[in-house]
Amino acid sequence: MSMSDTQRSNVTSSAQLANVEYSDIHWDQLFDPKTGEYKSINQRGKESFDNPLSDYLKSYGKQKAEPTPTGLALELLVGFDASVSGVIHVTPLTVKESERAVKQRRKQIELWKAADNVAYTELAATAELVWGFVDKDGKKVKVADVPKPQHAGNMGFRRGYATMGAIARREEGTSFPFAVAFVEYADELERILAHAAENLKKTAGASKLAPLDYVIIACSVVDEGGRESHLTNNNVKRGTAQKTFAFAKLDRRFPELKLVERVLMDPPELPKGITKYPYGEGCYIPFSMLDTTALRHLDKGTTEVAAASKPDEVESYIALVMNDKKAAKRTMTRADIEAKADSHKCQIVRIVCKAILENNTKVFSKLVKIANQLNDATIPHLVEMELMDAPKGWEPSTAVEEPATV
C-alpha cells in the first residue's frame, strides 16, 4: 500500500543512526538529477556543474588552501560534520546494485585519469586505494576481490563526490566515516521525494537546482505514478511544479517526440545578431519559451474533458512557439482553442471558441442578431490593426437592434 504524504515526510522518525565508512556508501549517479544521465545546460563541462572538487583542484600543490564558492573538499578536511551537512540517508544495496556500483567507480577513476591533469591523476590514485582496486602497496586487486559497497546514499551526492578530494588532500589514510540513517522507503516514489526534498530544503553543500533539474525530478515523479502535489508538497514552487509536471506527462505520452531529450540538448550556436533558435525536426527546444497553460491543455487528453491531443498537435505548438509558421499546422490545435476559451481577454473570442469546442451552432445564430453592433464596434479597429480589409461598401449601421442573450 502506498504511504500518505504525511507518512512519507516522517519516514526517518524511527530510523537507525550510525557511522559508516565512506568507501562502503555508493552514490549512484543515475539517481541524482545533477550528476545523472541527464544534465542541465548550466551543469555540463569539466567545471560547469558547480564542481564540488573545484577547491581541491585550485589548492592542489599549494601549501595554503584556496576555497572556491562551489567547492566542498576543503570543508570536509576535518571530517564529516552531521551538524553542518545533516545525516545521510542510506538504503541497502542489492547484489546487482553493488556490482553496478563497482563498475561506476571504475569508470569514474578512468575519467579522472583521462583528464590529463596532475590533480585529477592524484585523485584517481587515491580513489583506487579507497575503493579497493589496489592494496596498500599499490598492487592491483583481482576483480572478484574488489570490495563492494553495501549502502546506497540518497542524499549528499555532491559531498560524496568531494570527499575523495578531502581524503587526497589531508593524506591521513583512507578512513572517513559518514553519519548515516538507515531507512527503508515504501517505494521508488518515496525515495525520489526524499531526495528532492533534501536538495530543496538544505543549505549546507547544496547547489541551486536549475529549471531543467526540476524537469528531471518531475519525470521521475510521473514515472512512479506521482501527482503534481508531490512536487509542491516538497518545496517546489507551484508555477514550476505545474509547468514541469505537465511537460513530463506530455513527454511520457508521446515518447516519439523526445521532448525531454530536446530541452536538455546543448543549444546550437547562433550567428551574431540572431536571437531565436531555429526550428526543425528533433531540434533543441528552449524550455523557457513553453507556456504552462498550453502544456496543460495539450495534456487534457488524459481526462474525459477533451479528446486526446496528438503528437503532431504538440509538435505544431512547439513550431509556433519558435516562430516557424511554415512548420506549424495552419489550423489551431484543440489545445490552443481551449486555452483561448478559458482565458482570452476578449469575451467574444471566449464565447466563439467555446461554441466551436462544443459544436454549439446556436451561439452563432444568436450573434447574428447583434451583428451590426459588433461590426460597428470592431471593424474600424480591426482595419487599423491590419487584421482585415474594410468590407466593400461598408458603413456604420444606424439601426438599433434588440440585444440578445448569448
Foldseek 3Di string as FASTA:
>chain_A
DDDDPVCLVCQQVPWDKDKDWLLQEFADQCLAACRHPFHALQRDDDCRSLQQQVQLQVCPPHPDGDDDPSHDLVVCLVAADCVQLNAWEKEWDDPVRQLVRVVVLVVQLVVLCVPPGVSSPLLSQLSCDLQVQADPVRHGDDPVPRDTRTIYTLEDPSVSVSNSSSCSVNVPDNTGIGIHTYGDHPDPLSSLLVSLLSQQPHDRSHDDDDLLSLLVSLLSCVVVVHDLVSQVVSVDDSVSSLQSNLQSLVCVVCVVQVSSVQCSDNQDDDPPPDDFGDDDRSHRAPSVLDDSQLSNLQCCCVDPPAPHHDPLLVSLVSCVSSVNNVSHDPDHGLSVLVSCLVDPPDPVSVVVSVCVRVVPCVVVVLVVQCVLVVCLVPVVVCVVVVVDPDPPPDDRDPDDGDHGDD
